[in-house]
Amino acid sequence: QESEALFRQMFENNRSVKLVVDPASGAIVRANQAASDFYGY
């Protein structure tokens, strides 16, 4: 069920993938669960 909910969240809300980036280096320092599961962060 948690995977179904994740798919629904990702497809229904195109802003559900959220990243936090270090402005100096451009490195991704934090990602929400949708981004982790979808992109492999």
PDB file of all heavy atoms in Angstrom:
ATOM      1  N   GLN A   1       0.820  -1.211   0.000  1.00  0.00           N
ATOM      2  CA  GLN A   1       0.000   0.000   0.000  1.00  0.00           C
ATOM      3  C   GLN A   1       0.853   1.260   0.000  1.00  0.00           C
ATOM      4  O   GLN A   1       0.513   2.246  -0.652  1.00  0.00           O
ATOM      5  CB  GLN A   1      -0.915   0.003   1.227  1.00  0.00           C
ATOM      6  CG  GLN A   1      -2.105  -0.935   1.096  1.00  0.00           C
ATOM      7  CD  GLN A   1      -3.077  -0.745   2.241  1.00  0.00           C
ATOM      8  OE1 GLN A   1      -2.718  -0.229   3.290  1.00  0.00           O
ATOM      9  NE2 GLN A   1      -4.310  -1.159   2.021  1.00  0.00           N
ATOM     10  N   GLU A   2       1.993   1.217   0.717  1.00  0.00           N
ATOM     11  CA  GLU A   2       2.813   2.418   0.757  1.00  0.00           C
ATOM     12  C   GLU A   2       3.404   2.730  -0.621  1.00  0.00           C
ATOM     13  O   GLU A   2       3.577   3.885  -0.983  1.00  0.00           O
ATOM     14  CB  GLU A   2       3.940   2.273   1.790  1.00  0.00           C
ATOM     15  CG  GLU A   2       4.885   1.100   1.569  1.00  0.00           C
ATOM     16  CD  GLU A   2       4.421  -0.174   2.260  1.00  0.00           C
ATOM     17  OE1 GLU A   2       3.219  -0.269   2.590  1.00  0.00           O
ATOM     18  OE2 GLU A   2       5.265  -1.051   2.476  1.00  0.00           O
ATOM     19  N   SER A   3       3.673   1.692  -1.426  1.00  0.00           N
ATOM     20  CA  SER A   3       4.180   1.923  -2.777  1.00  0.00           C
ATOM     21  C   SER A   3       3.089   2.490  -3.669  1.00  0.00           C
ATOM     22  O   SER A   3       3.332   3.371  -4.496  1.00  0.00           O
ATOM     23  CB  SER A   3       4.725   0.625  -3.370  1.00  0.00           C
ATOM     24  OG  SER A   3       5.840   0.173  -2.634  1.00  0.00           O
ATOM     25  N   GLU A   4       1.863   1.969  -3.527  1.00  0.00           N
ATOM     26  CA  GLU A   4       0.744   2.519  -4.295  1.00  0.00           C
ATOM     27  C   GLU A   4       0.572   3.997  -3.988  1.00  0.00           C
ATOM     28  O   GLU A   4       0.358   4.820  -4.882  1.00  0.00           O
ATOM     29  CB  GLU A   4      -0.542   1.760  -3.968  1.00  0.00           C
ATOM     30  CG  GLU A   4      -0.614   0.369  -4.566  1.00  0.00           C
ATOM     31  CD  GLU A   4      -1.998  -0.237  -4.381  1.00  0.00           C
ATOM     32  OE1 GLU A   4      -2.920   0.500  -4.003  1.00  0.00           O
ATOM     33  OE2 GLU A   4      -2.130  -1.443  -4.632  1.00  0.00           O
ATOM     34  N   ALA A   5       0.654   4.333  -2.697  1.00  0.00           N
ATOM     35  CA  ALA A   5       0.492   5.739  -2.308  1.00  0.00           C
ATOM     36  C   ALA A   5       1.596   6.602  -2.902  1.00  0.00           C
ATOM     37  O   ALA A   5       1.360   7.740  -3.331  1.00  0.00           O
ATOM     38  CB  ALA A   5       0.496   5.844  -0.780  1.00  0.00           C
ATOM     39  N   LEU A   6       2.810   6.049  -2.960  1.00  0.00           N
ATOM     40  CA  LEU A   6       3.923   6.805  -3.529  1.00  0.00           C
ATOM     41  C   LEU A   6       3.700   7.059  -5.017  1.00  0.00           C
ATOM     42  O   LEU A   6       3.881   8.173  -5.507  1.00  0.00           O
ATOM     43  CB  LEU A   6       5.233   6.051  -3.322  1.00  0.00           C
ATOM     44  CG  LEU A   6       6.486   6.683  -3.954  1.00  0.00           C
ATOM     45  CD1 LEU A   6       6.735   8.072  -3.388  1.00  0.00           C
ATOM     46  CD2 LEU A   6       7.696   5.791  -3.728  1.00  0.00           C
ATOM     47  N   PHE A   7       3.282   6.015  -5.756  1.00  0.00           N
ATOM     48  CA  PHE A   7       2.999   6.200  -7.176  1.00  0.00           C
ATOM     49  C   PHE A   7       1.931   7.267  -7.377  1.00  0.00           C
ATOM     50  O   PHE A   7       2.040   8.132  -8.235  1.00  0.00           O
ATOM     51  CB  PHE A   7       2.527   4.876  -7.801  1.00  0.00           C
ATOM     52  CG  PHE A   7       3.647   3.975  -8.216  1.00  0.00           C
ATOM     53  CD1 PHE A   7       3.730   2.683  -7.737  1.00  0.00           C
ATOM     54  CD2 PHE A   7       4.615   4.417  -9.107  1.00  0.00           C
ATOM     55  CE1 PHE A   7       4.765   1.848  -8.127  1.00  0.00           C
ATOM     56  CE2 PHE A   7       5.648   3.590  -9.504  1.00  0.00           C
ATOM     57  CZ  PHE A   7       5.724   2.299  -9.009  1.00  0.00           C
ATOM     58  N   ARG A   8       0.868   7.185  -6.569  1.00  0.00           N
ATOM     59  CA  ARG A   8      -0.207   8.162  -6.719  1.00  0.00           C
ATOM     60  C   ARG A   8       0.311   9.565  -6.450  1.00  0.00           C
ATOM     61  O   ARG A   8       0.002  10.508  -7.178  1.00  0.00           O
ATOM     62  CB  ARG A   8      -1.364   7.825  -5.766  1.00  0.00           C
ATOM     63  CG  ARG A   8      -2.462   8.892  -5.781  1.00  0.00           C
ATOM     64  CD  ARG A   8      -3.687   8.433  -5.012  1.00  0.00           C
ATOM     65  NE  ARG A   8      -4.402   7.437  -5.771  1.00  0.00           N
ATOM     66  CZ  ARG A   8      -5.230   7.729  -6.768  1.00  0.00           C
ATOM     67  NH1 ARG A   8      -5.413   8.974  -7.140  1.00  0.00           N
ATOM     68  NH2 ARG A   8      -5.859   6.778  -7.412  1.00  0.00           N
ATOM     69  N   GLN A   9       1.087   9.719  -5.401  1.00  0.00           N
ATOM     70  CA  GLN A   9       1.623  11.045  -5.078  1.00  0.00           C
ATOM     71  C   GLN A   9       2.493  11.569  -6.207  1.00  0.00           C
ATOM     72  O   GLN A   9       2.396  12.724  -6.618  1.00  0.00           O
ATOM     73  CB  GLN A   9       2.449  10.977  -3.794  1.00  0.00           C
ATOM     74  CG  GLN A   9       3.072  12.328  -3.413  1.00  0.00           C
ATOM     75  CD  GLN A   9       4.128  12.189  -2.334  1.00  0.00           C
ATOM     76  OE1 GLN A   9       4.738  11.142  -2.183  1.00  0.00           O
ATOM     77  NE2 GLN A   9       4.331  13.244  -1.592  1.00  0.00           N
ATOM     78  N   MET A  10       3.355  10.719  -6.756  1.00  0.00           N
ATOM     79  CA  MET A  10       4.283  11.154  -7.792  1.00  0.00           C
ATOM     80  C   MET A  10       3.570  11.528  -9.072  1.00  0.00           C
ATOM     81  O   MET A  10       3.907  12.505  -9.737  1.00  0.00           O
ATOM     82  CB  MET A  10       5.307  10.046  -8.070  1.00  0.00           C
ATOM     83  CG  MET A  10       6.308   9.859  -6.945  1.00  0.00           C
ATOM     84  SD  MET A  10       7.285   8.357  -7.158  1.00  0.00           S
ATOM     85  CE  MET A  10       8.095   8.713  -8.698  1.00  0.00           C
ATOM     86  N   PHE A  11       2.549  10.753  -9.459  1.00  0.00           N
ATOM     87  CA  PHE A  11       1.872  11.013 -10.715  1.00  0.00           C
ATOM     88  C   PHE A  11       0.844  12.128 -10.605  1.00  0.00           C
ATOM     89  O   PHE A  11       0.618  12.860 -11.558  1.00  0.00           O
ATOM     90  CB  PHE A  11       1.202   9.737 -11.224  1.00  0.00           C
ATOM     91  CG  PHE A  11       2.166   8.770 -11.848  1.00  0.00           C
ATOM     92  CD1 PHE A  11       2.315   7.503 -11.331  1.00  0.00           C
ATOM     93  CD2 PHE A  11       2.923   9.134 -12.941  1.00  0.00           C
ATOM     94  CE1 PHE A  11       3.206   6.601 -11.902  1.00  0.00           C
ATOM     95  CE2 PHE A  11       3.814   8.250 -13.521  1.00  0.00           C
ATOM     96  CZ  PHE A  11       3.956   6.978 -13.002  1.00  0.00           C
ATOM     97  N   GLU A  12       0.214  12.268  -9.458  1.00  0.00           N
ATOM     98  CA  GLU A  12      -0.823  13.286  -9.331  1.00  0.00           C
ATOM     99  C   GLU A  12      -0.239  14.661  -9.055  1.00  0.00           C
ATOM    100  O   GLU A  12      -0.841  15.670  -9.382  1.00  0.00           O
ATOM    101  CB  GLU A  12      -1.794  12.911  -8.205  1.00  0.00           C
ATOM    102  CG  GLU A  12      -2.724  11.754  -8.578  1.00  0.00           C
ATOM    103  CD  GLU A  12      -3.752  11.494  -7.497  1.00  0.00           C
ATOM    104  OE1 GLU A  12      -3.609  12.050  -6.394  1.00  0.00           O
ATOM    105  OE2 GLU A  12      -4.697  10.734  -7.768  1.00  0.00           O
ATOM    106  N   ASN A  13       0.932  14.708  -8.455  1.00  0.00           N
ATOM    107  CA  ASN A  13       1.524  15.996  -8.093  1.00  0.00           C
ATOM    108  C   ASN A  13       2.931  16.069  -8.647  1.00  0.00           C
ATOM    109  O   ASN A  13       3.854  15.490  -8.109  1.00  0.00           O
ATOM    110  CB  ASN A  13       1.558  16.144  -6.564  1.00  0.00           C
ATOM    111  CG  ASN A  13       2.127  17.490  -6.139  1.00  0.00           C
ATOM    112  OD1 ASN A  13       2.506  18.295  -6.980  1.00  0.00           O
ATOM    113  ND2 ASN A  13       2.197  17.727  -4.849  1.00  0.00           N
ATOM    114  N   ASN A  14       3.095  16.808  -9.768  1.00  0.00           N
ATOM    115  CA  ASN A  14       4.402  16.832 -10.411  1.00  0.00           C
ATOM    116  C   ASN A  14       5.434  17.635  -9.626  1.00  0.00           C
ATOM    117  O   ASN A  14       6.566  17.777 -10.050  1.00  0.00           O
ATOM    118  CB  ASN A  14       4.303  17.352 -11.856  1.00  0.00           C
ATOM    119  CG  ASN A  14       3.859  18.806 -11.914  1.00  0.00           C
ATOM    120  OD1 ASN A  14       3.631  19.431 -10.890  1.00  0.00           O
ATOM    121  ND2 ASN A  14       3.739  19.327 -13.113  1.00  0.00           N
ATOM    122  N   ARG A  15       5.034  18.167  -8.469  1.00  0.00           N
ATOM    123  CA  ARG A  15       5.997  18.847  -7.611  1.00  0.00           C
ATOM    124  C   ARG A  15       6.353  17.998  -6.396  1.00  0.00           C
ATOM    125  O   ARG A  15       6.963  18.481  -5.465  1.00  0.00           O
ATOM    126  CB  ARG A  15       5.442  20.194  -7.155  1.00  0.00           C
ATOM    127  CG  ARG A  15       5.116  21.135  -8.309  1.00  0.00           C
ATOM    128  CD  ARG A  15       4.786  22.516  -7.830  1.00  0.00           C
ATOM    129  NE  ARG A  15       4.392  23.363  -8.945  1.00  0.00           N
ATOM    130  CZ  ARG A  15       4.265  24.658  -8.861  1.00  0.00           C
ATOM    131  NH1 ARG A  15       4.482  25.283  -7.740  1.00  0.00           N
ATOM    132  NH2 ARG A  15       3.907  25.368  -9.910  1.00  0.00           N
ATOM    133  N   SER A  16       5.964  16.723  -6.399  1.00  0.00           N
ATOM    134  CA  SER A  16       6.197  15.903  -5.221  1.00  0.00           C
ATOM    135  C   SER A  16       7.655  15.514  -5.064  1.00  0.00           C
ATOM    136  O   SER A  16       8.087  15.159  -3.987  1.00  0.00           O
ATOM    137  CB  SER A  16       5.329  14.649  -5.266  1.00  0.00           C
ATOM    138  OG  SER A  16       5.688  13.831  -6.366  1.00  0.00           O
ATOM    139  N   VAL A  17       8.431  15.545  -6.161  1.00  0.00           N
ATOM    140  CA  VAL A  17       9.859  15.269  -6.066  1.00  0.00           C
ATOM    141  C   VAL A  17      10.549  16.536  -5.587  1.00  0.00           C
ATOM    142  O   VAL A  17      10.534  17.556  -6.261  1.00  0.00           O
ATOM    143  CB  VAL A  17      10.421  14.817  -7.430  1.00  0.00           C
ATOM    144  CG1 VAL A  17      11.933  14.678  -7.357  1.00  0.00           C
ATOM    145  CG2 VAL A  17       9.788  13.506  -7.850  1.00  0.00           C
ATOM    146  N   LYS A  18      11.148  16.482  -4.401  1.00  0.00           N
ATOM    147  CA  LYS A  18      11.734  17.673  -3.802  1.00  0.00           C
ATOM    148  C   LYS A  18      13.202  17.421  -3.468  1.00  0.00           C
ATOM    149  O   LYS A  18      13.559  16.397  -2.907  1.00  0.00           O
ATOM    150  CB  LYS A  18      10.978  18.064  -2.532  1.00  0.00           C
ATOM    151  CG  LYS A  18       9.522  18.453  -2.804  1.00  0.00           C
ATOM    152  CD  LYS A  18       8.817  18.883  -1.544  1.00  0.00           C
ATOM    153  CE  LYS A  18       7.371  19.280  -1.826  1.00  0.00           C
ATOM    154  NZ  LYS A  18       6.651  19.696  -0.621  1.00  0.00           N
ATOM    155  N   LEU A  19      14.034  18.380  -3.820  1.00  0.00           N
ATOM    156  CA  LEU A  19      15.464  18.294  -3.575  1.00  0.00           C
ATOM    157  C   LEU A  19      15.931  19.549  -2.857  1.00  0.00           C
ATOM    158  O   LEU A  19      15.367  20.616  -3.034  1.00  0.00           O
ATOM    159  CB  LEU A  19      16.238  18.158  -4.888  1.00  0.00           C
ATOM    160  CG  LEU A  19      15.806  17.055  -5.853  1.00  0.00           C
ATOM    161  CD1 LEU A  19      16.599  17.166  -7.135  1.00  0.00           C
ATOM    162  CD2 LEU A  19      15.988  15.694  -5.221  1.00  0.00           C
ATOM    163  N   VAL A  20      16.982  19.405  -2.058  1.00  0.00           N
ATOM    164  CA  VAL A  20      17.662  20.545  -1.458  1.00  0.00           C
ATOM    165  C   VAL A  20      19.094  20.509  -1.957  1.00  0.00           C
ATOM    166  O   VAL A  20      19.782  19.494  -1.840  1.00  0.00           O
ATOM    167  CB  VAL A  20      17.626  20.489   0.079  1.00  0.00           C
ATOM    168  CG1 VAL A  20      18.417  21.646   0.664  1.00  0.00           C
ATOM    169  CG2 VAL A  20      16.178  20.530   0.570  1.00  0.00           C
ATOM    170  N   VAL A  21      19.539  21.626  -2.550  1.00  0.00           N
ATOM    171  CA  VAL A  21      20.836  21.678  -3.213  1.00  0.00           C
ATOM    172  C   VAL A  21      21.736  22.691  -2.516  1.00  0.00           C
ATOM    173  O   VAL A  21      21.305  23.782  -2.146  1.00  0.00           O
ATOM    174  CB  VAL A  21      20.659  22.070  -4.705  1.00  0.00           C
ATOM    175  CG1 VAL A  21      22.005  22.203  -5.392  1.00  0.00           C
ATOM    176  CG2 VAL A  21      19.792  21.035  -5.408  1.00  0.00           C
ATOM    177  N   ASP A  22      22.998  22.317  -2.335  1.00  0.00           N
ATOM    178  CA  ASP A  22      23.996  23.235  -1.794  1.00  0.00           C
ATOM    179  C   ASP A  22      24.303  24.285  -2.859  1.00  0.00           C
ATOM    180  O   ASP A  22      24.817  23.956  -3.935  1.00  0.00           O
ATOM    181  CB  ASP A  22      25.267  22.456  -1.455  1.00  0.00           C
ATOM    182  CG  ASP A  22      26.369  23.354  -0.895  1.00  0.00           C
ATOM    183  OD1 ASP A  22      26.179  24.580  -0.848  1.00  0.00           O
ATOM    184  OD2 ASP A  22      27.418  22.817  -0.523  1.00  0.00           O
ATOM    185  N   PRO A  23      23.990  25.564  -2.616  1.00  0.00           N
ATOM    186  CA  PRO A  23      24.185  26.602  -3.649  1.00  0.00           C
ATOM    187  C   PRO A  23      25.633  26.732  -4.096  1.00  0.00           C
ATOM    188  O   PRO A  23      25.901  27.097  -5.240  1.00  0.00           O
ATOM    189  CB  PRO A  23      23.706  27.885  -2.956  1.00  0.00           C
ATOM    190  CG  PRO A  23      22.830  27.422  -1.839  1.00  0.00           C
ATOM    191  CD  PRO A  23      23.407  26.113  -1.389  1.00  0.00           C
ATOM    192  N   ALA A  24      26.581  26.456  -3.221  1.00  0.00           N
ATOM    193  CA  ALA A  24      27.990  26.636  -3.559  1.00  0.00           C
ATOM    194  C   ALA A  24      28.497  25.558  -4.510  1.00  0.00           C
ATOM    195  O   ALA A  24      29.155  25.846  -5.503  1.00  0.00           O
ATOM    196  CB  ALA A  24      28.832  26.655  -2.284  1.00  0.00           C
ATOM    197  N   SER A  25      28.178  24.298  -4.211  1.00  0.00           N
ATOM    198  CA  SER A  25      28.731  23.190  -4.994  1.00  0.00           C
ATOM    199  C   SER A  25      27.770  22.606  -6.014  1.00  0.00           C
ATOM    200  O   SER A  25      28.182  21.917  -6.945  1.00  0.00           O
ATOM    201  CB  SER A  25      29.172  22.069  -4.048  1.00  0.00           C
ATOM    202  OG  SER A  25      28.043  21.500  -3.394  1.00  0.00           O
ATOM    203  N   GLY A  26      26.481  22.869  -5.827  1.00  0.00           N
ATOM    204  CA  GLY A  26      25.479  22.242  -6.684  1.00  0.00           C
ATOM    205  C   GLY A  26      25.158  20.826  -6.282  1.00  0.00           C
ATOM    206  O   GLY A  26      24.351  20.152  -6.927  1.00  0.00           O
ATOM    207  N   ALA A  27      25.782  20.346  -5.199  1.00  0.00           N
ATOM    208  CA  ALA A  27      25.542  18.969  -4.760  1.00  0.00           C
ATOM    209  C   ALA A  27      24.167  18.847  -4.116  1.00  0.00           C
ATOM    210  O   ALA A  27      23.705  19.756  -3.416  1.00  0.00           O
ATOM    211  CB  ALA A  27      26.616  18.541  -3.771  1.00  0.00           C
ATOM    212  N   ILE A  28      23.501  17.734  -4.368  1.00  0.00           N
ATOM    213  CA  ILE A  28      22.203  17.469  -3.758  1.00  0.00           C
ATOM    214  C   ILE A  28      22.443  16.932  -2.354  1.00  0.00           C
ATOM    215  O   ILE A  28      23.079  15.890  -2.173  1.00  0.00           O
ATOM    216  CB  ILE A  28      21.407  16.471  -4.606  1.00  0.00           C
ATOM    217  CG1 ILE A  28      21.071  17.120  -5.956  1.00  0.00           C
ATOM    218  CG2 ILE A  28      20.138  16.030  -3.892  1.00  0.00           C
ATOM    219  CD1 ILE A  28      20.571  16.165  -7.004  1.00  0.00           C
ATOM    220  N   VAL A  29      21.967  17.654  -1.355  1.00  0.00           N
ATOM    221  CA  VAL A  29      22.257  17.296   0.030  1.00  0.00           C
ATOM    222  C   VAL A  29      21.083  16.629   0.717  1.00  0.00           C
ATOM    223  O   VAL A  29      21.247  15.970   1.738  1.00  0.00           O
ATOM    224  CB  VAL A  29      22.702  18.530   0.845  1.00  0.00           C
ATOM    225  CG1 VAL A  29      24.010  19.083   0.292  1.00  0.00           C
ATOM    226  CG2 VAL A  29      21.636  19.611   0.837  1.00  0.00           C
ATOM    227  N   ARG A  30      19.885  16.795   0.170  1.00  0.00           N
ATOM    228  CA  ARG A  30      18.732  16.144   0.784  1.00  0.00           C
ATOM    229  C   ARG A  30      17.657  15.932  -0.256  1.00  0.00           C
ATOM    230  O   ARG A  30      17.476  16.751  -1.152  1.00  0.00           O
ATOM    231  CB  ARG A  30      18.178  16.967   1.949  1.00  0.00           C
ATOM    232  CG  ARG A  30      17.217  16.168   2.838  1.00  0.00           C
ATOM    233  CD  ARG A  30      16.993  16.844   4.179  1.00  0.00           C
ATOM    234  NE  ARG A  30      16.117  17.995   4.090  1.00  0.00           N
ATOM    235  CZ  ARG A  30      16.501  19.252   4.290  1.00  0.00           C
ATOM    236  NH1 ARG A  30      17.758  19.529   4.565  1.00  0.00           N
ATOM    237  NH2 ARG A  30      15.636  20.245   4.201  1.00  0.00           N
ATOM    238  N   ALA A  31      16.965  14.816  -0.171  1.00  0.00           N
ATOM    239  CA  ALA A  31      15.881  14.512  -1.104  1.00  0.00           C
ATOM    240  C   ALA A  31      14.743  13.873  -0.330  1.00  0.00           C
ATOM    241  O   ALA A  31      14.972  13.132   0.619  1.00  0.00           O
ATOM    242  CB  ALA A  31      16.370  13.555  -2.197  1.00  0.00           C
ATOM    243  N   ASN A  32      13.513  14.188  -0.739  1.00  0.00           N
ATOM    244  CA  ASN A  32      12.391  13.546  -0.066  1.00  0.00           C
ATOM    245  C   ASN A  32      12.240  12.113  -0.565  1.00  0.00           C
ATOM    246  O   ASN A  32      12.949  11.652  -1.460  1.00  0.00           O
ATOM    247  CB  ASN A  32      11.105  14.359  -0.238  1.00  0.00           C
ATOM    248  CG  ASN A  32      10.588  14.333  -1.662  1.00  0.00           C
ATOM    249  OD1 ASN A  32      11.301  13.956  -2.594  1.00  0.00           O
ATOM    250  ND2 ASN A  32       9.358  14.750  -1.845  1.00  0.00           N
ATOM    251  N   GLN A  33      11.310  11.357   0.009  1.00  0.00           N
ATOM    252  CA  GLN A  33      11.194   9.937  -0.300  1.00  0.00           C
ATOM    253  C   GLN A  33      10.837   9.690  -1.759  1.00  0.00           C
ATOM    254  O   GLN A  33      11.320   8.747  -2.383  1.00  0.00           O
ATOM    255  CB  GLN A  33      10.132   9.284   0.600  1.00  0.00           C
ATOM    256  CG  GLN A  33      10.143   7.744   0.544  1.00  0.00           C
ATOM    257  CD  GLN A  33      11.484   7.168   0.981  1.00  0.00           C
ATOM    258  OE1 GLN A  33      12.018   7.539   2.019  1.00  0.00           O
ATOM    259  NE2 GLN A  33      12.034   6.274   0.180  1.00  0.00           N
ATOM    260  N   ALA A  34      10.005  10.558  -2.331  1.00  0.00           N
ATOM    261  CA  ALA A  34       9.633  10.386  -3.738  1.00  0.00           C
ATOM    262  C   ALA A  34      10.862  10.481  -4.625  1.00  0.00           C
ATOM    263  O   ALA A  34      11.055   9.676  -5.539  1.00  0.00           O
ATOM    264  CB  ALA A  34       8.603  11.436  -4.150  1.00  0.00           C
ATOM    265  N   ALA A  35      11.720  11.456  -4.358  1.00  0.00           N
ATOM    266  CA  ALA A  35      12.937  11.603  -5.160  1.00  0.00           C
ATOM    267  C   ALA A  35      13.880  10.439  -4.925  1.00  0.00           C
ATOM    268  O   ALA A  35      14.508   9.929  -5.850  1.00  0.00           O
ATOM    269  CB  ALA A  35      13.629  12.920  -4.807  1.00  0.00           C
ATOM    270  N   SER A  36      13.997   9.987  -3.677  1.00  0.00           N
ATOM    271  CA  SER A  36      14.883   8.867  -3.373  1.00  0.00           C
ATOM    272  C   SER A  36      14.460   7.612  -4.120  1.00  0.00           C
ATOM    273  O   SER A  36      15.274   6.911  -4.719  1.00  0.00           O
ATOM    274  CB  SER A  36      14.876   8.588  -1.865  1.00  0.00           C
ATOM    275  OG  SER A  36      15.366   9.694  -1.149  1.00  0.00           O
ATOM    276  N   ASP A  37      13.167   7.327  -4.111  1.00  0.00           N
ATOM    277  CA  ASP A  37      12.667   6.117  -4.756  1.00  0.00           C
ATOM    278  C   ASP A  37      12.697   6.230  -6.272  1.00  0.00           C
ATOM    279  O   ASP A  37      13.002   5.274  -6.976  1.00  0.00           O
ATOM    280  CB  ASP A  37      11.235   5.822  -4.293  1.00  0.00           C
ATOM    281  CG  ASP A  37      11.198   5.386  -2.840  1.00  0.00           C
ATOM    282  OD1 ASP A  37      12.268   5.129  -2.270  1.00  0.00           O
ATOM    283  OD2 ASP A  37      10.089   5.298  -2.281  1.00  0.00           O
ATOM    284  N   PHE A  38      12.395   7.418  -6.792  1.00  0.00           N
ATOM    285  CA  PHE A  38      12.275   7.572  -8.243  1.00  0.00           C
ATOM    286  C   PHE A  38      13.637   7.714  -8.913  1.00  0.00           C
ATOM    287  O   PHE A  38      13.898   7.118  -9.954  1.00  0.00           O
ATOM    288  CB  PHE A  38      11.406   8.798  -8.556  1.00  0.00           C
ATOM    289  CG  PHE A  38      10.991   8.877  -9.985  1.00  0.00           C
ATOM    290  CD1 PHE A  38      10.021   8.017 -10.496  1.00  0.00           C
ATOM    291  CD2 PHE A  38      11.553   9.800 -10.833  1.00  0.00           C
ATOM    292  CE1 PHE A  38       9.620   8.088 -11.810  1.00  0.00           C
ATOM    293  CE2 PHE A  38      11.165   9.873 -12.174  1.00  0.00           C
ATOM    294  CZ  PHE A  38      10.187   9.019 -12.656  1.00  0.00           C
ATOM    295  N   TYR A  39      14.541   8.494  -8.309  1.00  0.00           N
ATOM    296  CA  TYR A  39      15.821   8.773  -8.944  1.00  0.00           C
ATOM    297  C   TYR A  39      16.990   8.005  -8.330  1.00  0.00           C
ATOM    298  O   TYR A  39      18.086   8.020  -8.862  1.00  0.00           O
ATOM    299  CB  TYR A  39      16.147  10.263  -8.863  1.00  0.00           C
ATOM    300  CG  TYR A  39      15.264  11.117  -9.736  1.00  0.00           C
ATOM    301  CD1 TYR A  39      14.261  11.918  -9.198  1.00  0.00           C
ATOM    302  CD2 TYR A  39      15.409  11.110 -11.128  1.00  0.00           C
ATOM    303  CE1 TYR A  39      13.453  12.698 -10.012  1.00  0.00           C
ATOM    304  CE2 TYR A  39      14.610  11.873 -11.932  1.00  0.00           C
ATOM    305  CZ  TYR A  39      13.643  12.671 -11.366  1.00  0.00           C
ATOM    306  OH  TYR A  39      12.839  13.443 -12.168  1.00  0.00           O
ATOM    307  N   GLY A  40      16.756   7.394  -7.172  1.00  0.00           N
ATOM    308  CA  GLY A  40      17.827   6.628  -6.562  1.00  0.00           C
ATOM    309  C   GLY A  40      18.750   7.434  -5.681  1.00  0.00           C
ATOM    310  O   GLY A  40      19.870   7.029  -5.401  1.00  0.00           O
ATOM    311  N   TYR A  41      18.297   8.610  -5.212  1.00  0.00           N
ATOM    312  CA  TYR A  41      19.127   9.391  -4.296  1.00  0.00           C
ATOM    313  C   TYR A  41      19.250   8.641  -2.991  1.00  0.00           C
ATOM    314  O   TYR A  41      18.284   8.052  -2.509  1.00  0.00           O
ATOM    315  CB  TYR A  41      18.491  10.757  -4.026  1.00  0.00           C
ATOM    316  CG  TYR A  41      18.404  11.651  -5.218  1.00  0.00           C
ATOM    317  CD1 TYR A  41      17.192  11.884  -5.847  1.00  0.00           C
ATOM    318  CD2 TYR A  41      19.537  12.260  -5.738  1.00  0.00           C
ATOM    319  CE1 TYR A  41      17.108  12.705  -6.958  1.00  0.00           C
ATOM    320  CE2 TYR A  41      19.449  13.093  -6.849  1.00  0.00           C
ATOM    321  CZ  TYR A  41      18.244  13.298  -7.436  1.00  0.00           C
ATOM    322  OH  TYR A  41      18.157  14.114  -8.540  1.00  0.00           O
TER     323      TYR A  41
END
